[in-house]
PDB file of N, CA and C in Angstrom:
ATOM      1  N   UNK A   1     -61.016  56.264-136.106  1.00  0.00           N
ATOM      2  CA  UNK A   1     -59.869  55.601-136.701  1.00  0.00           C
ATOM      3  C   UNK A   1     -59.251  54.672-135.653  1.00  0.00           C
ATOM      4  N   UNK A   2     -58.710  53.569-136.086  1.00  0.00           N
ATOM      5  CA  UNK A   2     -58.117  52.580-135.191  1.00  0.00           C
ATOM      6  C   UNK A   2     -56.906  53.160-134.460  1.00  0.00           C
ATOM      7  N   UNK A   3     -56.906  53.009-133.142  1.00  0.00           N
ATOM      8  CA  UNK A   3     -55.845  53.584-132.314  1.00  0.00           C
ATOM      9  C   UNK A   3     -54.485  52.955-132.623  1.00  0.00           C
ATOM     10  N   UNK A   4     -54.462  51.677-132.963  1.00  0.00           N
ATOM     11  CA  UNK A   4     -53.189  51.018-133.279  1.00  0.00           C
ATOM     12  C   UNK A   4     -52.634  51.507-134.616  1.00  0.00           C
ATOM     13  N   UNK A   5     -53.536  51.806-135.551  1.00  0.00           N
ATOM     14  CA  UNK A   5     -53.107  52.413-136.820  1.00  0.00           C
ATOM     15  C   UNK A   5     -52.483  53.778-136.555  1.00  0.00           C
ATOM     16  N   UNK A   6     -53.121  54.560-135.688  1.00  0.00           N
ATOM     17  CA  UNK A   6     -52.583  55.885-135.356  1.00  0.00           C
ATOM     18  C   UNK A   6     -51.202  55.777-134.707  1.00  0.00           C
ATOM     19  N   UNK A   7     -51.035  54.798-133.827  1.00  0.00           N
ATOM     20  CA  UNK A   7     -49.726  54.611-133.203  1.00  0.00           C
ATOM     21  C   UNK A   7     -48.689  54.213-134.251  1.00  0.00           C
ATOM     22  N   UNK A   8     -49.050  53.322-135.148  1.00  0.00           N
ATOM     23  CA  UNK A   8     -48.134  52.931-136.230  1.00  0.00           C
ATOM     24  C   UNK A   8     -47.769  54.117-137.105  1.00  0.00           C
ATOM     25  N   UNK A   9     -48.749  54.936-137.415  1.00  0.00           N
ATOM     26  CA  UNK A   9     -48.496  56.135-138.225  1.00  0.00           C
ATOM     27  C   UNK A   9     -47.583  57.104-137.469  1.00  0.00           C
ATOM     28  N   UNK A  10     -47.817  57.255-136.169  1.00  0.00           N
ATOM     29  CA  UNK A  10     -46.959  58.124-135.359  1.00  0.00           C
ATOM     30  C   UNK A  10     -45.514  57.640-135.392  1.00  0.00           C
ATOM     31  N   UNK A  11     -45.329  56.336-135.329  1.00  0.00           N
ATOM     32  CA  UNK A  11     -43.975  55.760-135.366  1.00  0.00           C
ATOM     33  C   UNK A  11     -43.312  56.036-136.710  1.00  0.00           C
ATOM     34  N   UNK A  12     -44.039  55.798-137.783  1.00  0.00           N
ATOM     35  CA  UNK A  12     -43.476  56.010-139.126  1.00  0.00           C
ATOM     36  C   UNK A  12     -43.102  57.479-139.327  1.00  0.00           C
ATOM     37  N   UNK A  13     -43.981  58.388-138.909  1.00  0.00           N
ATOM     38  CA  UNK A  13     -43.712  59.819-139.073  1.00  0.00           C
ATOM     39  C   UNK A  13     -42.504  60.243-138.227  1.00  0.00           C
ATOM     40  N   UNK A  14     -42.390  59.686-137.021  1.00  0.00           N
ATOM     41  CA  UNK A  14     -41.234  60.001-136.168  1.00  0.00           C
ATOM     42  C   UNK A  14     -39.941  59.495-136.794  1.00  0.00           C
ATOM     43  N   UNK A  15     -39.981  58.316-137.402  1.00  0.00           N
ATOM     44  CA  UNK A  15     -38.789  57.764-138.056  1.00  0.00           C
ATOM     45  C   UNK A  15     -38.405  58.617-139.269  1.00  0.00           C
ATOM     46  N   UNK A  16     -39.369  59.101-139.998  1.00  0.00           N
ATOM     47  CA  UNK A  16     -39.073  60.021-141.108  1.00  0.00           C
ATOM     48  C   UNK A  16     -38.411  61.287-140.559  1.00  0.00           C
ATOM     49  N   UNK A  17     -38.946  61.807-139.463  1.00  0.00           N
ATOM     50  CA  UNK A  17     -38.350  62.994-138.839  1.00  0.00           C
ATOM     51  C   UNK A  17     -36.925  62.745-138.371  1.00  0.00           C
ATOM     52  N   UNK A  18     -36.682  61.590-137.796  1.00  0.00           N
ATOM     53  CA  UNK A  18     -35.329  61.269-137.331  1.00  0.00           C
ATOM     54  C   UNK A  18     -34.368  61.096-138.506  1.00  0.00           C
ATOM     55  N   UNK A  19     -34.848  60.518-139.590  1.00  0.00           N
ATOM     56  CA  UNK A  19     -34.022  60.409-140.796  1.00  0.00           C
ATOM     57  C   UNK A  19     -33.687  61.799-141.329  1.00  0.00           C
ATOM     58  N   UNK A  20     -34.664  62.694-141.342  1.00  0.00           N
ATOM     59  CA  UNK A  20     -34.423  64.072-141.769  1.00  0.00           C
ATOM     60  C   UNK A  20     -33.452  64.771-140.823  1.00  0.00           C
ATOM     61  N   UNK A  21     -33.500  64.418-139.543  1.00  0.00           N
ATOM     62  CA  UNK A  21     -32.566  64.998-138.578  1.00  0.00           C
ATOM     63  C   UNK A  21     -31.124  64.652-138.959  1.00  0.00           C
ATOM     64  N   UNK A  22     -30.909  63.423-139.369  1.00  0.00           N
ATOM     65  CA  UNK A  22     -29.575  63.026-139.839  1.00  0.00           C
ATOM     66  C   UNK A  22     -29.201  63.817-141.093  1.00  0.00           C
ATOM     67  N   UNK A  23     -30.159  63.984-141.999  1.00  0.00           N
ATOM     68  CA  UNK A  23     -29.900  64.703-143.245  1.00  0.00           C
ATOM     69  C   UNK A  23     -29.732  66.211-143.050  1.00  0.00           C
ATOM     70  N   UNK A  24     -30.165  66.728-141.895  1.00  0.00           N
ATOM     71  CA  UNK A  24     -30.076  68.171-141.647  1.00  0.00           C
ATOM     72  C   UNK A  24     -28.648  68.631-141.379  1.00  0.00           C
ATOM     73  N   UNK A  25     -27.747  67.696-141.151  1.00  0.00           N
ATOM     74  CA  UNK A  25     -26.335  68.010-140.914  1.00  0.00           C
ATOM     75  C   UNK A  25     -26.184  69.030-139.791  1.00  0.00           C
ATOM     76  N   UNK A  26     -26.715  68.627-138.612  1.00  0.00           N
ATOM     77  CA  UNK A  26     -26.602  69.516-137.453  1.00  0.00           C
ATOM     78  C   UNK A  26     -27.470  70.747-137.545  1.00  0.00           C
ATOM     79  N   UNK A  27     -28.648  70.618-138.166  1.00  0.00           N
ATOM     80  CA  UNK A  27     -29.598  71.723-138.356  1.00  0.00           C
ATOM     81  C   UNK A  27     -29.029  72.817-139.260  1.00  0.00           C
ATOM     82  N   UNK A  28     -28.138  72.455-140.157  1.00  0.00           N
ATOM     83  CA  UNK A  28     -27.552  73.457-141.054  1.00  0.00           C
ATOM     84  C   UNK A  28     -28.220  73.493-142.430  1.00  0.00           C
ATOM     85  N   UNK A  29     -29.101  72.537-142.718  1.00  0.00           N
ATOM     86  CA  UNK A  29     -29.802  72.505-144.007  1.00  0.00           C
ATOM     87  C   UNK A  29     -31.288  72.734-143.748  1.00  0.00           C
ATOM     88  N   UNK A  30     -31.834  73.809-144.313  1.00  0.00           N
ATOM     89  CA  UNK A  30     -33.189  74.222-143.937  1.00  0.00           C
ATOM     90  C   UNK A  30     -34.305  73.237-144.298  1.00  0.00           C
ATOM     91  N   UNK A  31     -34.256  72.586-145.459  1.00  0.00           N
ATOM     92  CA  UNK A  31     -35.352  71.697-145.836  1.00  0.00           C
ATOM     93  C   UNK A  31     -35.460  70.488-144.917  1.00  0.00           C
ATOM     94  N   UNK A  32     -34.361  69.811-144.619  1.00  0.00           N
ATOM     95  CA  UNK A  32     -34.490  68.716-143.647  1.00  0.00           C
ATOM     96  C   UNK A  32     -34.937  69.199-142.264  1.00  0.00           C
ATOM     97  N   UNK A  33     -34.511  70.394-141.859  1.00  0.00           N
ATOM     98  CA  UNK A  33     -34.943  70.940-140.567  1.00  0.00           C
ATOM     99  C   UNK A  33     -36.460  71.140-140.562  1.00  0.00           C
ATOM    100  N   UNK A  34     -37.002  71.631-141.659  1.00  0.00           N
ATOM    101  CA  UNK A  34     -38.451  71.813-141.783  1.00  0.00           C
ATOM    102  C   UNK A  34     -39.169  70.463-141.676  1.00  0.00           C
ATOM    103  N   UNK A  35     -38.638  69.446-142.345  1.00  0.00           N
ATOM    104  CA  UNK A  35     -39.218  68.101-142.278  1.00  0.00           C
ATOM    105  C   UNK A  35     -39.174  67.578-140.840  1.00  0.00           C
ATOM    106  N   UNK A  36     -38.051  67.794-140.155  1.00  0.00           N
ATOM    107  CA  UNK A  36     -37.927  67.376-138.752  1.00  0.00           C
ATOM    108  C   UNK A  36     -39.038  68.008-137.916  1.00  0.00           C
ATOM    109  N   UNK A  37     -39.191  69.311-138.020  1.00  0.00           N
ATOM    110  CA  UNK A  37     -40.182  70.021-137.215  1.00  0.00           C
ATOM    111  C   UNK A  37     -41.602  69.543-137.513  1.00  0.00           C
ATOM    112  N   UNK A  38     -41.925  69.416-138.777  1.00  0.00           N
ATOM    113  CA  UNK A  38     -43.273  68.973-139.159  1.00  0.00           C
ATOM    114  C   UNK A  38     -43.535  67.537-138.716  1.00  0.00           C
ATOM    115  N   UNK A  39     -42.577  66.661-138.959  1.00  0.00           N
ATOM    116  CA  UNK A  39     -42.768  65.246-138.622  1.00  0.00           C
ATOM    117  C   UNK A  39     -42.842  65.035-137.115  1.00  0.00           C
ATOM    118  N   UNK A  40     -41.967  65.687-136.362  1.00  0.00           N
ATOM    119  CA  UNK A  40     -42.014  65.512-134.908  1.00  0.00           C
ATOM    120  C   UNK A  40     -43.310  66.074-134.338  1.00  0.00           C
ATOM    121  N   UNK A  41     -43.748  67.219-134.846  1.00  0.00           N
ATOM    122  CA  UNK A  41     -45.014  67.775-134.380  1.00  0.00           C
ATOM    123  C   UNK A  41     -46.178  66.838-134.660  1.00  0.00           C
ATOM    124  N   UNK A  42     -46.247  66.306-135.874  1.00  0.00           N
ATOM    125  CA  UNK A  42     -47.315  65.387-136.246  1.00  0.00           C
ATOM    126  C   UNK A  42     -47.207  64.081-135.452  1.00  0.00           C
ATOM    127  N   UNK A  43     -45.997  63.589-135.282  1.00  0.00           N
ATOM    128  CA  UNK A  43     -45.802  62.340-134.548  1.00  0.00           C
ATOM    129  C   UNK A  43     -46.290  62.466-133.111  1.00  0.00           C
ATOM    130  N   UNK A  44     -45.949  63.562-132.445  1.00  0.00           N
ATOM    131  CA  UNK A  44     -46.389  63.740-131.062  1.00  0.00           C
ATOM    132  C   UNK A  44     -47.897  63.978-130.976  1.00  0.00           C
ATOM    133  N   UNK A  45     -48.466  64.630-131.956  1.00  0.00           N
ATOM    134  CA  UNK A  45     -49.920  64.798-131.996  1.00  0.00           C
ATOM    135  C   UNK A  45     -50.608  63.435-132.107  1.00  0.00           C
ATOM    136  N   UNK A  46     -50.122  62.616-133.035  1.00  0.00           N
ATOM    137  CA  UNK A  46     -50.696  61.279-133.208  1.00  0.00           C
ATOM    138  C   UNK A  46     -50.508  60.425-131.958  1.00  0.00           C
ATOM    139  N   UNK A  47     -49.333  60.521-131.345  1.00  0.00           N
ATOM    140  CA  UNK A  47     -49.091  59.789-130.104  1.00  0.00           C
ATOM    141  C   UNK A  47     -50.076  60.247-129.026  1.00  0.00           C
ATOM    142  N   UNK A  48     -50.302  61.526-128.931  1.00  0.00           N
ATOM    143  CA  UNK A  48     -51.238  62.054-127.942  1.00  0.00           C
ATOM    144  C   UNK A  48     -52.648  61.493-128.158  1.00  0.00           C
ATOM    145  N   UNK A  49     -53.048  61.345-129.406  1.00  0.00           N
ATOM    146  CA  UNK A  49     -54.362  60.768-129.696  1.00  0.00           C
ATOM    147  C   UNK A  49     -54.439  59.315-129.222  1.00  0.00           C
ATOM    148  N   UNK A  50     -53.370  58.574-129.395  1.00  0.00           N
ATOM    149  CA  UNK A  50     -53.380  57.164-128.979  1.00  0.00           C
ATOM    150  C   UNK A  50     -53.465  57.026-127.466  1.00  0.00           C
ATOM    151  N   UNK A  51     -52.954  58.010-126.747  1.00  0.00           N
ATOM    152  CA  UNK A  51     -52.935  57.925-125.282  1.00  0.00           C
ATOM    153  C   UNK A  51     -54.321  58.054-124.665  1.00  0.00           C
ATOM    154  N   UNK A  52     -55.313  58.376-125.480  1.00  0.00           N
ATOM    155  CA  UNK A  52     -56.685  58.375-124.989  1.00  0.00           C
ATOM    156  C   UNK A  52     -57.165  56.953-124.707  1.00  0.00           C
ATOM    157  N   UNK A  53     -56.558  55.961-125.400  1.00  0.00           N
ATOM    158  CA  UNK A  53     -57.024  54.572-125.283  1.00  0.00           C
ATOM    159  C   UNK A  53     -55.936  53.590-124.862  1.00  0.00           C
ATOM    160  N   UNK A  54     -54.687  53.918-125.111  1.00  0.00           N
ATOM    161  CA  UNK A  54     -53.584  53.009-124.780  1.00  0.00           C
ATOM    162  C   UNK A  54     -52.838  53.590-123.588  1.00  0.00           C
ATOM    163  N   UNK A  55     -52.531  52.766-122.579  1.00  0.00           N
ATOM    164  CA  UNK A  55     -51.744  53.273-121.451  1.00  0.00           C
ATOM    165  C   UNK A  55     -50.412  53.856-121.927  1.00  0.00           C
ATOM    166  N   UNK A  56     -49.979  54.927-121.282  1.00  0.00           N
ATOM    167  CA  UNK A  56     -48.791  55.655-121.728  1.00  0.00           C
ATOM    168  C   UNK A  56     -47.544  54.749-121.759  1.00  0.00           C
ATOM    169  N   UNK A  57     -47.379  53.887-120.784  1.00  0.00           N
ATOM    170  CA  UNK A  57     -46.212  53.011-120.758  1.00  0.00           C
ATOM    171  C   UNK A  57     -46.187  52.040-121.928  1.00  0.00           C
ATOM    172  N   UNK A  58     -47.342  51.510-122.260  1.00  0.00           N
ATOM    173  CA  UNK A  58     -47.446  50.573-123.383  1.00  0.00           C
ATOM    174  C   UNK A  58     -47.205  51.304-124.698  1.00  0.00           C
ATOM    175  N   UNK A  59     -47.868  52.438-124.870  1.00  0.00           N
ATOM    176  CA  UNK A  59     -47.713  53.206-126.112  1.00  0.00           C
ATOM    177  C   UNK A  59     -46.266  53.627-126.317  1.00  0.00           C
ATOM    178  N   UNK A  60     -45.645  54.096-125.248  1.00  0.00           N
ATOM    179  CA  UNK A  60     -44.265  54.565-125.383  1.00  0.00           C
ATOM    180  C   UNK A  60     -43.301  53.417-125.613  1.00  0.00           C
ATOM    181  N   UNK A  61     -43.542  52.272-124.994  1.00  0.00           N
ATOM    182  CA  UNK A  61     -42.676  51.107-125.228  1.00  0.00           C
ATOM    183  C   UNK A  61     -42.748  50.670-126.689  1.00  0.00           C
ATOM    184  N   UNK A  62     -43.953  50.629-127.225  1.00  0.00           N
ATOM    185  CA  UNK A  62     -44.111  50.237-128.631  1.00  0.00           C
ATOM    186  C   UNK A  62     -43.518  51.300-129.541  1.00  0.00           C
ATOM    187  N   UNK A  63     -43.797  52.569-129.251  1.00  0.00           N
ATOM    188  CA  UNK A  63     -43.267  53.695-130.026  1.00  0.00           C
ATOM    189  C   UNK A  63     -41.749  53.644-130.082  1.00  0.00           C
ATOM    190  N   UNK A  64     -41.136  53.570-128.923  1.00  0.00           N
ATOM    191  CA  UNK A  64     -39.669  53.629-128.879  1.00  0.00           C
ATOM    192  C   UNK A  64     -39.043  52.366-129.436  1.00  0.00           C
ATOM    193  N   UNK A  65     -39.594  51.211-129.106  1.00  0.00           N
ATOM    194  CA  UNK A  65     -39.020  49.961-129.609  1.00  0.00           C
ATOM    195  C   UNK A  65     -39.097  49.847-131.124  1.00  0.00           C
ATOM    196  N   UNK A  66     -40.265  50.107-131.661  1.00  0.00           N
ATOM    197  CA  UNK A  66     -40.427  50.042-133.118  1.00  0.00           C
ATOM    198  C   UNK A  66     -39.602  51.129-133.798  1.00  0.00           C
ATOM    199  N   UNK A  67     -39.566  52.314-133.192  1.00  0.00           N
ATOM    200  CA  UNK A  67     -38.765  53.408-133.764  1.00  0.00           C
ATOM    201  C   UNK A  67     -37.288  53.074-133.796  1.00  0.00           C
ATOM    202  N   UNK A  68     -36.775  52.479-132.717  1.00  0.00           N
ATOM    203  CA  UNK A  68     -35.366  52.083-132.679  1.00  0.00           C
ATOM    204  C   UNK A  68     -35.068  51.071-133.773  1.00  0.00           C
ATOM    205  N   UNK A  69     -35.922  50.077-133.896  1.00  0.00           N
ATOM    206  CA  UNK A  69     -35.699  49.044-134.911  1.00  0.00           C
ATOM    207  C   UNK A  69     -35.744  49.629-136.323  1.00  0.00           C
ATOM    208  N   UNK A  70     -36.732  50.474-136.584  1.00  0.00           N
ATOM    209  CA  UNK A  70     -36.859  51.050-137.929  1.00  0.00           C
ATOM    210  C   UNK A  70     -35.725  52.009-138.263  1.00  0.00           C
ATOM    211  N   UNK A  71     -35.350  52.866-137.320  1.00  0.00           N
ATOM    212  CA  UNK A  71     -34.292  53.834-137.630  1.00  0.00           C
ATOM    213  C   UNK A  71     -32.943  53.121-137.760  1.00  0.00           C
ATOM    214  N   UNK A  72     -32.758  52.028-137.033  1.00  0.00           N
ATOM    215  CA  UNK A  72     -31.539  51.239-137.195  1.00  0.00           C
ATOM    216  C   UNK A  72     -31.496  50.614-138.575  1.00  0.00           C
ATOM    217  N   UNK A  73     -32.616  50.100-139.044  1.00  0.00           N
ATOM    218  CA  UNK A  73     -32.695  49.531-140.388  1.00  0.00           C
ATOM    219  C   UNK A  73     -32.406  50.598-141.445  1.00  0.00           C
ATOM    220  N   UNK A  74     -32.960  51.786-141.273  1.00  0.00           N
ATOM    221  CA  UNK A  74     -32.691  52.883-142.215  1.00  0.00           C
ATOM    222  C   UNK A  74     -31.225  53.278-142.162  1.00  0.00           C
ATOM    223  N   UNK A  75     -30.660  53.351-140.966  1.00  0.00           N
ATOM    224  CA  UNK A  75     -29.232  53.664-140.847  1.00  0.00           C
ATOM    225  C   UNK A  75     -28.372  52.668-141.605  1.00  0.00           C
ATOM    226  N   UNK A  76     -28.743  51.409-141.519  1.00  0.00           N
ATOM    227  CA  UNK A  76     -27.991  50.355-142.210  1.00  0.00           C
ATOM    228  C   UNK A  76     -28.192  50.431-143.721  1.00  0.00           C
ATOM    229  N   UNK A  77     -29.446  50.589-144.167  1.00  0.00           N
ATOM    230  CA  UNK A  77     -29.738  50.572-145.602  1.00  0.00           C
ATOM    231  C   UNK A  77     -29.393  51.883-146.310  1.00  0.00           C
ATOM    232  N   UNK A  78     -29.704  53.005-145.696  1.00  0.00           N
ATOM    233  CA  UNK A  78     -29.564  54.299-146.362  1.00  0.00           C
ATOM    234  C   UNK A  78     -28.217  54.949-146.088  1.00  0.00           C
ATOM    235  N   UNK A  79     -27.755  54.863-144.840  1.00  0.00           N
ATOM    236  CA  UNK A  79     -26.538  55.568-144.451  1.00  0.00           C
ATOM    237  C   UNK A  79     -25.321  54.649-144.318  1.00  0.00           C
ATOM    238  N   UNK A  80     -25.482  53.382-144.695  1.00  0.00           N
ATOM    239  CA  UNK A  80     -24.390  52.389-144.678  1.00  0.00           C
ATOM    240  C   UNK A  80     -23.725  52.273-143.302  1.00  0.00           C
ATOM    241  N   UNK A  81     -24.536  52.401-142.257  1.00  0.00           N
ATOM    242  CA  UNK A  81     -24.004  52.243-140.907  1.00  0.00           C
ATOM    243  C   UNK A  81     -23.889  50.749-140.603  1.00  0.00           C
ATOM    244  N   UNK A  82     -22.782  50.372-140.013  1.00  0.00           N
ATOM    245  CA  UNK A  82     -22.499  48.972-139.738  1.00  0.00           C
ATOM    246  C   UNK A  82     -23.203  48.516-138.466  1.00  0.00           C
ATOM    247  N   UNK A  83     -23.638  47.268-138.467  1.00  0.00           N
ATOM    248  CA  UNK A  83     -24.245  46.649-137.292  1.00  0.00           C
ATOM    249  C   UNK A  83     -23.470  45.376-136.962  1.00  0.00           C
ATOM    250  N   UNK A  84     -23.011  45.259-135.723  1.00  0.00           N
ATOM    251  CA  UNK A  84     -22.348  44.027-135.314  1.00  0.00           C
ATOM    252  C   UNK A  84     -23.372  43.115-134.627  1.00  0.00           C
ATOM    253  N   UNK A  85     -22.919  41.911-134.253  1.00  0.00           N
ATOM    254  CA  UNK A  85     -23.826  40.935-133.653  1.00  0.00           C
ATOM    255  C   UNK A  85     -24.458  41.427-132.348  1.00  0.00           C
ATOM    256  N   UNK A  86     -23.717  42.070-131.447  1.00  0.00           N
ATOM    257  CA  UNK A  86     -24.375  42.579-130.236  1.00  0.00           C
ATOM    258  C   UNK A  86     -25.475  43.606-130.547  1.00  0.00           C
ATOM    259  N   UNK A  87     -25.249  44.436-131.549  1.00  0.00           N
ATOM    260  CA  UNK A  87     -26.273  45.411-131.931  1.00  0.00           C
ATOM    261  C   UNK A  87     -27.511  44.698-132.467  1.00  0.00           C
ATOM    262  N   UNK A  88     -27.308  43.712-133.315  1.00  0.00           N
ATOM    263  CA  UNK A  88     -28.430  42.956-133.866  1.00  0.00           C
ATOM    264  C   UNK A  88     -29.185  42.200-132.773  1.00  0.00           C
ATOM    265  N   UNK A  89     -28.451  41.627-131.826  1.00  0.00           N
ATOM    266  CA  UNK A  89     -29.078  40.926-130.714  1.00  0.00           C
ATOM    267  C   UNK A  89     -29.909  41.898-129.872  1.00  0.00           C
ATOM    268  N   UNK A  90     -29.345  43.059-129.586  1.00  0.00           N
ATOM    269  CA  UNK A  90     -30.071  44.056-128.812  1.00  0.00           C
ATOM    270  C   UNK A  90     -31.358  44.488-129.499  1.00  0.00           C
ATOM    271  N   UNK A  91     -31.300  44.703-130.798  1.00  0.00           N
ATOM    272  CA  UNK A  91     -32.496  45.100-131.552  1.00  0.00           C
ATOM    273  C   UNK A  91     -33.519  43.966-131.545  1.00  0.00           C
ATOM    274  N   UNK A  92     -33.048  42.731-131.687  1.00  0.00           N
ATOM    275  CA  UNK A  92     -33.955  41.579-131.626  1.00  0.00           C
ATOM    276  C   UNK A  92     -34.641  41.498-130.267  1.00  0.00           C
ATOM    277  N   UNK A  93     -33.913  41.793-129.209  1.00  0.00           N
ATOM    278  CA  UNK A  93     -34.511  41.779-127.874  1.00  0.00           C
ATOM    279  C   UNK A  93     -35.553  42.891-127.714  1.00  0.00           C
ATOM    280  N   UNK A  94     -35.272  44.051-128.280  1.00  0.00           N
ATOM    281  CA  UNK A  94     -36.238  45.151-128.235  1.00  0.00           C
ATOM    282  C   UNK A  94     -37.515  44.760-128.969  1.00  0.00           C
ATOM    283  N   UNK A  95     -37.363  44.207-130.166  1.00  0.00           N
ATOM    284  CA  UNK A  95     -38.525  43.778-130.948  1.00  0.00           C
ATOM    285  C   UNK A  95     -39.289  42.693-130.199  1.00  0.00           C
ATOM    286  N   UNK A  96     -38.562  41.755-129.593  1.00  0.00           N
ATOM    287  CA  UNK A  96     -39.209  40.693-128.817  1.00  0.00           C
ATOM    288  C   UNK A  96     -40.012  41.279-127.663  1.00  0.00           C
ATOM    289  N   UNK A  97     -39.453  42.260-126.996  1.00  0.00           N
ATOM    290  CA  UNK A  97     -40.167  42.905-125.898  1.00  0.00           C
ATOM    291  C   UNK A  97     -41.448  43.573-126.352  1.00  0.00           C
ATOM    292  N   UNK A  98     -41.400  44.235-127.486  1.00  0.00           N
ATOM    293  CA  UNK A  98     -42.599  44.890-128.020  1.00  0.00           C
ATOM    294  C   UNK A  98     -43.651  43.841-128.377  1.00  0.00           C
ATOM    295  N   UNK A  99     -43.217  42.744-128.978  1.00  0.00           N
ATOM    296  CA  UNK A  99     -44.158  41.677-129.343  1.00  0.00           C
ATOM    297  C   UNK A  99     -44.787  41.071-128.090  1.00  0.00           C
ATOM    298  N   UNK A 100     -43.981  40.780-127.082  1.00  0.00           N
ATOM    299  CA  UNK A 100     -44.512  40.223-125.833  1.00  0.00           C
ATOM    300  C   UNK A 100     -45.520  41.188-125.212  1.00  0.00           C
ATOM    301  N   UNK A 101     -45.187  42.450-125.191  1.00  0.00           N
ATOM    302  CA  UNK A 101     -46.086  43.456-124.628  1.00  0.00           C
ATOM    303  C   UNK A 101     -47.403  43.490-125.385  1.00  0.00           C
ATOM    304  N   UNK A 102     -47.332  43.469-126.684  1.00  0.00           N
ATOM    305  CA  UNK A 102     -48.524  43.593-127.514  1.00  0.00           C
ATOM    306  C   UNK A 102     -49.371  42.316-127.489  1.00  0.00           C
ATOM    307  N   UNK A 103     -48.729  41.165-127.554  1.00  0.00           N
ATOM    308  CA  UNK A 103     -49.461  39.915-127.690  1.00  0.00           C
ATOM    309  C   UNK A 103     -49.933  39.343-126.354  1.00  0.00           C
ATOM    310  N   UNK A 104     -49.087  39.418-125.353  1.00  0.00           N
ATOM    311  CA  UNK A 104     -49.380  38.713-124.111  1.00  0.00           C
ATOM    312  C   UNK A 104     -49.844  39.592-122.949  1.00  0.00           C
ATOM    313  N   UNK A 105     -49.577  40.860-122.989  1.00  0.00           N
ATOM    314  CA  UNK A 105     -49.927  41.718-121.870  1.00  0.00           C
ATOM    315  C   UNK A 105     -51.396  42.113-121.911  1.00  0.00           C
ATOM    316  N   UNK A 106     -52.065  41.983-120.790  1.00  0.00           N
ATOM    317  CA  UNK A 106     -53.450  42.436-120.693  1.00  0.00           C
ATOM    318  C   UNK A 106     -53.526  43.961-120.616  1.00  0.00           C
ATOM    319  N   UNK A 107     -52.447  44.591-120.225  1.00  0.00           N
ATOM    320  CA  UNK A 107     -52.405  46.050-120.099  1.00  0.00           C
ATOM    321  C   UNK A 107     -52.579  46.724-121.459  1.00  0.00           C
ATOM    322  N   UNK A 108     -52.025  46.126-122.531  1.00  0.00           N
ATOM    323  CA  UNK A 108     -52.077  46.781-123.833  1.00  0.00           C
ATOM    324  C   UNK A 108     -53.465  46.787-124.434  1.00  0.00           C
ATOM    325  N   UNK A 109     -54.370  46.010-123.904  1.00  0.00           N
ATOM    326  CA  UNK A 109     -55.717  45.958-124.439  1.00  0.00           C
ATOM    327  C   UNK A 109     -56.695  46.909-123.782  1.00  0.00           C
ATOM    328  N   UNK A 110     -56.223  47.725-122.842  1.00  0.00           N
ATOM    329  CA  UNK A 110     -57.128  48.638-122.132  1.00  0.00           C
ATOM    330  C   UNK A 110     -57.680  49.702-123.033  1.00  0.00           C
TER     331      UNK A 110
END
């Protein structure tokens, strides 16, 4: 299976887990807690598989950057969390960094 697909899947599963973490209300609701545990376990397993081919720094930068952007979008759309211009600029810079790393860095192709 394509390593970049696995990394993307790991990111999506981690974002689902983080969304469930918000829904768990401080780990007081059992079903969201179960989703958190399952998603985080699967996400880290998938991340571990990607580290066989992608350098850890590159994988983690993409993982964290994409995860931050996605969970911020979910916070805005699902939980009605407000975003001001500095927050949007910061997220744009994170996304830009991930794109630069992926497109221009020779390290990400190892």
